[in-house]
Amino acid sequence: MDGPNPFGEILLVEDNPGDVRLTKELLKETGLEPTVHVVSNGSDALDFLSQCGEYADAPRPDAILLDLHLPRMNGEEILEEMDDDSRNVPIIVLSGTQQERVFEDDDIAAVVDARVEKPLDPDEFDAIVQSLSEQPAE
């Protein structure tokens, strides 16, 4: 990827260690070298985004990669609970199932910038990252 890295800090919300590893590898293949912060459940994701508890010093992410199927709180619930500041961060939903149902909800679909089915396809993932990096900052 040419030009500055628009994704210096990424929050990856994923409970599967294999998918975490694959996502990090794909990010590296796109030419990005972001700092990837991983949380494995919805409660921790919201705490990270609101800088609560153990995440009091967490940086504001430049992008959120969000699995829909998580323990405690699923991705759909996270999207509903996010504050407006977090909703302004580019959000890429990662999921293998139930995507269509989630995206029938206009309020949720409106805050999601892209979606990618698992297993992640390197070319599709790269195209999405390229597209989001070209969007003007809000």
N, C-alpha and C. Protein backbone atom coordinates (compact mmCIF):
# COMPACT_ATOMS: atom_id res chain seq x y z
N MET A 1 0.85 -1.17 0.00
CA MET A 1 0.00 0.00 0.00
C MET A 1 0.89 1.23 0.00
N ASP A 2 0.61 2.19 -0.87
CA ASP A 2 1.39 3.41 -0.94
C ASP A 2 0.78 4.48 -0.06
N GLY A 3 1.60 5.45 0.35
CA GLY A 3 1.10 6.55 1.15
C GLY A 3 1.10 6.21 2.63
N PRO A 4 0.63 7.17 3.43
CA PRO A 4 0.64 6.96 4.88
C PRO A 4 -0.34 5.87 5.30
N ASN A 5 -0.04 5.24 6.41
CA ASN A 5 -0.89 4.18 6.94
C ASN A 5 -2.06 4.82 7.69
N PRO A 6 -3.28 4.68 7.16
CA PRO A 6 -4.43 5.27 7.83
C PRO A 6 -4.90 4.43 9.02
N PHE A 7 -4.33 3.25 9.17
CA PHE A 7 -4.76 2.34 10.23
C PHE A 7 -3.60 2.00 11.15
N GLY A 8 -3.17 2.95 11.94
CA GLY A 8 -2.07 2.73 12.87
C GLY A 8 -2.47 1.88 14.06
N GLU A 9 -3.73 2.04 14.48
CA GLU A 9 -4.27 1.30 15.64
C GLU A 9 -5.55 0.61 15.21
N ILE A 10 -5.59 -0.70 15.35
CA ILE A 10 -6.78 -1.47 14.98
C ILE A 10 -7.27 -2.25 16.19
N LEU A 11 -8.57 -2.18 16.42
CA LEU A 11 -9.19 -3.02 17.44
C LEU A 11 -9.79 -4.22 16.73
N LEU A 12 -9.30 -5.40 17.05
CA LEU A 12 -9.82 -6.66 16.51
C LEU A 12 -10.64 -7.32 17.60
N VAL A 13 -11.93 -7.48 17.34
CA VAL A 13 -12.84 -8.11 18.30
C VAL A 13 -13.14 -9.50 17.76
N GLU A 14 -12.42 -10.49 18.29
CA GLU A 14 -12.46 -11.85 17.75
C GLU A 14 -12.12 -12.84 18.85
N ASP A 15 -12.92 -13.90 18.98
CA ASP A 15 -12.68 -14.88 20.04
C ASP A 15 -11.96 -16.13 19.56
N ASN A 16 -11.73 -16.27 18.26
CA ASN A 16 -11.07 -17.45 17.71
C ASN A 16 -9.60 -17.13 17.47
N PRO A 17 -8.67 -17.79 18.22
CA PRO A 17 -7.24 -17.50 18.05
C PRO A 17 -6.74 -17.71 16.62
N GLY A 18 -7.29 -18.69 15.92
CA GLY A 18 -6.89 -18.92 14.53
C GLY A 18 -7.28 -17.76 13.63
N ASP A 19 -8.47 -17.21 13.84
CA ASP A 19 -8.91 -16.06 13.05
C ASP A 19 -8.11 -14.81 13.41
N VAL A 20 -7.70 -14.69 14.67
CA VAL A 20 -6.85 -13.57 15.08
C VAL A 20 -5.54 -13.63 14.31
N ARG A 21 -4.92 -14.80 14.30
CA ARG A 21 -3.64 -14.98 13.61
C ARG A 21 -3.79 -14.70 12.11
N LEU A 22 -4.84 -15.24 11.48
CA LEU A 22 -5.06 -15.05 10.06
C LEU A 22 -5.28 -13.56 9.74
N THR A 23 -6.06 -12.88 10.55
CA THR A 23 -6.32 -11.47 10.32
C THR A 23 -5.04 -10.65 10.41
N LYS A 24 -4.23 -10.94 11.40
CA LYS A 24 -2.95 -10.22 11.54
C LYS A 24 -2.06 -10.48 10.32
N GLU A 25 -2.04 -11.72 9.81
CA GLU A 25 -1.25 -12.04 8.63
C GLU A 25 -1.76 -11.28 7.40
N LEU A 26 -3.08 -11.21 7.26
CA LEU A 26 -3.66 -10.49 6.12
C LEU A 26 -3.35 -9.00 6.20
N LEU A 27 -3.40 -8.44 7.38
CA LEU A 27 -3.04 -7.03 7.53
C LEU A 27 -1.60 -6.79 7.10
N LYS A 28 -0.74 -7.71 7.46
CA LYS A 28 0.68 -7.59 7.08
C LYS A 28 0.82 -7.68 5.56
N GLU A 29 0.03 -8.57 4.93
CA GLU A 29 0.09 -8.74 3.47
C GLU A 29 -0.38 -7.49 2.74
N THR A 30 -1.25 -6.69 3.35
CA THR A 30 -1.72 -5.47 2.70
C THR A 30 -0.67 -4.38 2.73
N GLY A 31 0.41 -4.62 3.47
CA GLY A 31 1.46 -3.62 3.58
C GLY A 31 1.29 -2.74 4.80
N LEU A 32 0.25 -2.98 5.56
CA LEU A 32 0.03 -2.22 6.79
C LEU A 32 0.78 -2.89 7.93
N GLU A 33 1.25 -2.12 8.83
CA GLU A 33 1.90 -2.65 10.04
C GLU A 33 1.24 -2.00 11.25
N PRO A 34 -0.07 -2.18 11.41
CA PRO A 34 -0.74 -1.52 12.52
C PRO A 34 -0.45 -2.20 13.86
N THR A 35 -0.72 -1.49 14.90
CA THR A 35 -0.76 -2.11 16.22
C THR A 35 -2.15 -2.70 16.33
N VAL A 36 -2.24 -4.00 16.54
CA VAL A 36 -3.54 -4.68 16.63
C VAL A 36 -3.83 -4.99 18.09
N HIS A 37 -4.91 -4.43 18.58
CA HIS A 37 -5.37 -4.68 19.95
C HIS A 37 -6.49 -5.71 19.84
N VAL A 38 -6.35 -6.83 20.53
CA VAL A 38 -7.32 -7.91 20.42
C VAL A 38 -8.11 -8.04 21.71
N VAL A 39 -9.43 -8.06 21.58
CA VAL A 39 -10.31 -8.41 22.69
C VAL A 39 -11.18 -9.56 22.20
N SER A 40 -11.58 -10.43 23.12
CA SER A 40 -12.26 -11.64 22.69
C SER A 40 -13.75 -11.68 23.02
N ASN A 41 -14.29 -10.58 23.55
CA ASN A 41 -15.73 -10.58 23.80
C ASN A 41 -16.27 -9.16 23.71
N GLY A 42 -17.58 -9.06 23.62
CA GLY A 42 -18.23 -7.78 23.42
C GLY A 42 -18.08 -6.82 24.57
N SER A 43 -18.13 -7.32 25.79
CA SER A 43 -17.97 -6.45 26.96
C SER A 43 -16.62 -5.76 26.95
N ASP A 44 -15.56 -6.53 26.65
CA ASP A 44 -14.22 -5.95 26.58
C ASP A 44 -14.11 -4.96 25.42
N ALA A 45 -14.79 -5.24 24.32
CA ALA A 45 -14.75 -4.32 23.18
C ALA A 45 -15.32 -2.95 23.57
N LEU A 46 -16.46 -2.96 24.23
CA LEU A 46 -17.07 -1.70 24.65
C LEU A 46 -16.21 -0.99 25.69
N ASP A 47 -15.61 -1.75 26.60
CA ASP A 47 -14.70 -1.15 27.58
C ASP A 47 -13.50 -0.52 26.88
N PHE A 48 -12.95 -1.19 25.89
CA PHE A 48 -11.81 -0.66 25.14
C PHE A 48 -12.21 0.66 24.47
N LEU A 49 -13.36 0.64 23.80
CA LEU A 49 -13.79 1.83 23.06
C LEU A 49 -14.12 3.01 23.97
N SER A 50 -14.61 2.71 25.16
CA SER A 50 -14.95 3.79 26.10
C SER A 50 -13.84 4.05 27.12
N GLN A 51 -12.72 3.35 26.96
CA GLN A 51 -11.54 3.49 27.83
C GLN A 51 -11.91 3.31 29.30
N CYS A 52 -12.59 2.21 29.58
CA CYS A 52 -13.00 1.89 30.96
C CYS A 52 -12.15 0.76 31.53
N GLY A 53 -12.04 0.73 32.85
CA GLY A 53 -11.38 -0.37 33.55
C GLY A 53 -9.96 -0.58 33.08
N GLU A 54 -9.63 -1.84 32.77
CA GLU A 54 -8.27 -2.17 32.35
C GLU A 54 -7.87 -1.52 31.03
N TYR A 55 -8.84 -0.95 30.33
CA TYR A 55 -8.57 -0.30 29.04
C TYR A 55 -8.56 1.23 29.16
N ALA A 56 -8.34 1.74 30.35
CA ALA A 56 -8.35 3.19 30.59
C ALA A 56 -7.34 3.93 29.71
N ASP A 57 -6.23 3.28 29.38
CA ASP A 57 -5.20 3.91 28.55
C ASP A 57 -5.25 3.46 27.09
N ALA A 58 -6.34 2.82 26.70
CA ALA A 58 -6.44 2.32 25.32
C ALA A 58 -6.49 3.47 24.33
N PRO A 59 -5.81 3.32 23.20
CA PRO A 59 -5.88 4.35 22.17
C PRO A 59 -7.21 4.28 21.42
N ARG A 60 -7.58 5.37 20.80
CA ARG A 60 -8.77 5.35 19.93
C ARG A 60 -8.35 4.61 18.66
N PRO A 61 -9.04 3.54 18.30
CA PRO A 61 -8.64 2.80 17.11
C PRO A 61 -8.94 3.59 15.83
N ASP A 62 -8.14 3.31 14.81
CA ASP A 62 -8.36 3.89 13.48
C ASP A 62 -9.33 3.04 12.67
N ALA A 63 -9.54 1.79 13.12
CA ALA A 63 -10.49 0.89 12.48
C ALA A 63 -10.86 -0.20 13.49
N ILE A 64 -12.06 -0.74 13.32
CA ILE A 64 -12.54 -1.83 14.17
C ILE A 64 -12.87 -3.01 13.25
N LEU A 65 -12.27 -4.16 13.55
CA LEU A 65 -12.60 -5.41 12.86
C LEU A 65 -13.43 -6.22 13.85
N LEU A 66 -14.67 -6.46 13.52
CA LEU A 66 -15.63 -7.00 14.48
C LEU A 66 -16.23 -8.32 14.02
N ASP A 67 -15.98 -9.37 14.79
CA ASP A 67 -16.65 -10.65 14.57
C ASP A 67 -18.07 -10.52 15.12
N LEU A 68 -19.04 -11.13 14.46
CA LEU A 68 -20.41 -11.05 14.94
C LEU A 68 -20.72 -12.07 16.03
N HIS A 69 -20.02 -13.19 16.02
CA HIS A 69 -20.33 -14.29 16.94
C HIS A 69 -19.31 -14.31 18.07
N LEU A 70 -19.72 -13.75 19.20
CA LEU A 70 -18.83 -13.59 20.35
C LEU A 70 -19.51 -14.03 21.63
N PRO A 71 -18.72 -14.39 22.64
CA PRO A 71 -19.31 -14.71 23.95
C PRO A 71 -19.77 -13.43 24.66
N ARG A 72 -20.66 -13.57 25.60
CA ARG A 72 -21.20 -12.50 26.45
C ARG A 72 -22.10 -11.53 25.69
N MET A 73 -21.60 -10.98 24.62
CA MET A 73 -22.34 -9.98 23.85
C MET A 73 -21.92 -10.16 22.39
N ASN A 74 -22.88 -10.32 21.49
CA ASN A 74 -22.51 -10.55 20.10
C ASN A 74 -22.22 -9.23 19.38
N GLY A 75 -21.71 -9.33 18.17
CA GLY A 75 -21.33 -8.16 17.40
C GLY A 75 -22.47 -7.20 17.14
N GLU A 76 -23.65 -7.74 16.92
CA GLU A 76 -24.83 -6.89 16.70
C GLU A 76 -25.11 -6.04 17.94
N GLU A 77 -25.02 -6.65 19.10
CA GLU A 77 -25.24 -5.92 20.36
C GLU A 77 -24.16 -4.86 20.58
N ILE A 78 -22.92 -5.17 20.20
CA ILE A 78 -21.84 -4.19 20.32
C ILE A 78 -22.16 -2.98 19.46
N LEU A 79 -22.56 -3.22 18.22
CA LEU A 79 -22.88 -2.12 17.31
C LEU A 79 -24.01 -1.25 17.88
N GLU A 80 -25.00 -1.88 18.51
CA GLU A 80 -26.11 -1.13 19.10
C GLU A 80 -25.67 -0.29 20.29
N GLU A 81 -24.68 -0.80 21.05
CA GLU A 81 -24.24 -0.13 22.29
C GLU A 81 -23.13 0.90 22.08
N MET A 82 -22.51 0.92 20.93
CA MET A 82 -21.41 1.86 20.68
C MET A 82 -21.88 3.29 20.79
N ASP A 83 -20.99 4.14 21.33
CA ASP A 83 -21.32 5.57 21.36
C ASP A 83 -21.04 6.17 19.97
N ASP A 84 -21.47 7.41 19.77
CA ASP A 84 -21.34 8.05 18.46
C ASP A 84 -19.89 8.18 18.03
N ASP A 85 -18.99 8.45 18.97
CA ASP A 85 -17.57 8.60 18.63
C ASP A 85 -17.03 7.28 18.06
N SER A 86 -17.39 6.17 18.67
CA SER A 86 -16.93 4.86 18.19
C SER A 86 -17.55 4.52 16.84
N ARG A 87 -18.76 4.95 16.62
CA ARG A 87 -19.43 4.68 15.34
C ARG A 87 -18.79 5.44 14.18
N ASN A 88 -18.02 6.47 14.48
CA ASN A 88 -17.33 7.22 13.43
C ASN A 88 -16.04 6.55 12.97
N VAL A 89 -15.60 5.53 13.71
CA VAL A 89 -14.42 4.76 13.33
C VAL A 89 -14.85 3.76 12.25
N PRO A 90 -14.06 3.58 11.18
CA PRO A 90 -14.42 2.57 10.19
C PRO A 90 -14.59 1.19 10.84
N ILE A 91 -15.71 0.54 10.54
CA ILE A 91 -16.04 -0.76 11.12
C ILE A 91 -16.15 -1.79 10.00
N ILE A 92 -15.37 -2.85 10.11
CA ILE A 92 -15.44 -3.96 9.17
C ILE A 92 -15.95 -5.17 9.95
N VAL A 93 -17.09 -5.70 9.55
CA VAL A 93 -17.68 -6.87 10.20
C VAL A 93 -17.10 -8.13 9.56
N LEU A 94 -16.63 -9.04 10.41
CA LEU A 94 -16.09 -10.33 9.97
C LEU A 94 -17.04 -11.42 10.44
N SER A 95 -17.62 -12.15 9.50
CA SER A 95 -18.52 -13.21 9.92
C SER A 95 -18.74 -14.22 8.81
N GLY A 96 -19.08 -15.42 9.23
CA GLY A 96 -19.36 -16.47 8.26
C GLY A 96 -20.84 -16.73 8.09
N THR A 97 -21.65 -16.34 9.08
CA THR A 97 -23.08 -16.62 9.01
C THR A 97 -23.86 -15.46 9.59
N GLN A 98 -25.13 -15.43 9.32
CA GLN A 98 -26.10 -14.45 9.85
C GLN A 98 -25.85 -13.02 9.37
N GLN A 99 -24.97 -12.82 8.41
CA GLN A 99 -24.71 -11.45 7.96
C GLN A 99 -25.95 -10.80 7.38
N GLU A 100 -26.66 -11.51 6.54
CA GLU A 100 -27.80 -10.89 5.88
C GLU A 100 -28.84 -10.42 6.88
N ARG A 101 -29.10 -11.21 7.91
CA ARG A 101 -30.08 -10.83 8.93
C ARG A 101 -29.65 -9.55 9.64
N VAL A 102 -28.38 -9.47 10.00
CA VAL A 102 -27.87 -8.30 10.70
C VAL A 102 -27.98 -7.06 9.83
N PHE A 103 -27.70 -7.21 8.53
CA PHE A 103 -27.70 -6.05 7.66
C PHE A 103 -29.09 -5.67 7.17
N GLU A 104 -30.11 -6.39 7.60
CA GLU A 104 -31.48 -5.97 7.34
C GLU A 104 -31.88 -4.86 8.31
N ASP A 105 -31.18 -4.72 9.42
CA ASP A 105 -31.42 -3.67 10.39
C ASP A 105 -30.71 -2.41 9.91
N ASP A 106 -31.49 -1.41 9.47
CA ASP A 106 -30.90 -0.20 8.89
C ASP A 106 -29.99 0.54 9.84
N ASP A 107 -30.33 0.56 11.14
CA ASP A 107 -29.49 1.28 12.10
C ASP A 107 -28.11 0.65 12.21
N ILE A 108 -28.05 -0.68 12.14
CA ILE A 108 -26.78 -1.37 12.23
C ILE A 108 -26.03 -1.26 10.90
N ALA A 109 -26.72 -1.48 9.80
CA ALA A 109 -26.08 -1.40 8.50
C ALA A 109 -25.48 -0.01 8.27
N ALA A 110 -26.09 1.01 8.82
CA ALA A 110 -25.62 2.38 8.62
C ALA A 110 -24.26 2.64 9.27
N VAL A 111 -23.91 1.91 10.31
CA VAL A 111 -22.63 2.17 10.99
C VAL A 111 -21.50 1.25 10.50
N VAL A 112 -21.83 0.25 9.71
CA VAL A 112 -20.83 -0.69 9.22
C VAL A 112 -20.32 -0.21 7.86
N ASP A 113 -18.99 -0.10 7.76
CA ASP A 113 -18.39 0.39 6.53
C ASP A 113 -18.16 -0.73 5.52
N ALA A 114 -17.94 -1.95 6.00
CA ALA A 114 -17.70 -3.07 5.11
C ALA A 114 -17.95 -4.36 5.86
N ARG A 115 -18.12 -5.42 5.11
CA ARG A 115 -18.25 -6.74 5.73
C ARG A 115 -17.47 -7.75 4.90
N VAL A 116 -16.90 -8.71 5.60
CA VAL A 116 -16.09 -9.74 4.96
C VAL A 116 -16.50 -11.08 5.56
N GLU A 117 -16.72 -12.05 4.67
CA GLU A 117 -17.05 -13.39 5.17
C GLU A 117 -15.78 -14.15 5.51
N LYS A 118 -15.90 -14.96 6.57
CA LYS A 118 -14.81 -15.87 6.93
C LYS A 118 -15.02 -17.17 6.18
N PRO A 119 -13.99 -17.87 5.78
CA PRO A 119 -12.59 -17.47 5.95
C PRO A 119 -12.28 -16.25 5.08
N LEU A 120 -11.42 -15.40 5.60
CA LEU A 120 -11.09 -14.16 4.93
C LEU A 120 -10.33 -14.42 3.64
N ASP A 121 -10.75 -13.74 2.58
CA ASP A 121 -10.07 -13.82 1.30
C ASP A 121 -9.07 -12.67 1.22
N PRO A 122 -7.77 -12.96 1.02
CA PRO A 122 -6.76 -11.90 1.04
C PRO A 122 -7.04 -10.76 0.05
N ASP A 123 -7.48 -11.08 -1.16
CA ASP A 123 -7.73 -10.03 -2.16
C ASP A 123 -8.92 -9.16 -1.77
N GLU A 124 -9.99 -9.79 -1.29
CA GLU A 124 -11.16 -9.03 -0.87
C GLU A 124 -10.82 -8.15 0.33
N PHE A 125 -10.09 -8.70 1.28
CA PHE A 125 -9.71 -7.95 2.47
C PHE A 125 -8.84 -6.76 2.08
N ASP A 126 -7.88 -6.97 1.19
CA ASP A 126 -7.01 -5.88 0.73
C ASP A 126 -7.83 -4.80 0.03
N ALA A 127 -8.79 -5.19 -0.80
CA ALA A 127 -9.61 -4.20 -1.51
C ALA A 127 -10.41 -3.35 -0.52
N ILE A 128 -10.92 -3.96 0.52
CA ILE A 128 -11.68 -3.22 1.53
C ILE A 128 -10.78 -2.26 2.28
N VAL A 129 -9.61 -2.72 2.68
CA VAL A 129 -8.66 -1.85 3.38
C VAL A 129 -8.28 -0.67 2.48
N GLN A 130 -8.02 -0.95 1.22
CA GLN A 130 -7.67 0.13 0.27
C GLN A 130 -8.82 1.13 0.17
N SER A 131 -10.02 0.64 0.04
CA SER A 131 -11.20 1.50 -0.08
C SER A 131 -11.38 2.38 1.15
N LEU A 132 -11.26 1.78 2.34
CA LEU A 132 -11.43 2.55 3.57
C LEU A 132 -10.31 3.55 3.76
N SER A 133 -9.11 3.22 3.31
CA SER A 133 -7.99 4.14 3.49
C SER A 133 -8.11 5.36 2.59
N GLU A 134 -8.92 5.24 1.54
CA GLU A 134 -9.10 6.36 0.62
C GLU A 134 -10.26 7.27 1.03
N GLN A 135 -11.06 6.85 2.02
CA GLN A 135 -12.17 7.68 2.48
C GLN A 135 -11.62 8.87 3.25
N PRO A 136 -12.24 10.04 3.06
CA PRO A 136 -11.79 11.21 3.82
C PRO A 136 -12.10 11.05 5.30
N ALA A 137 -11.23 11.56 6.14
CA ALA A 137 -11.45 11.50 7.59
C ALA A 137 -12.61 12.40 7.97
N GLU A 138 -13.36 11.98 8.99
CA GLU A 138 -14.50 12.78 9.44
C GLU A 138 -14.06 13.80 10.45
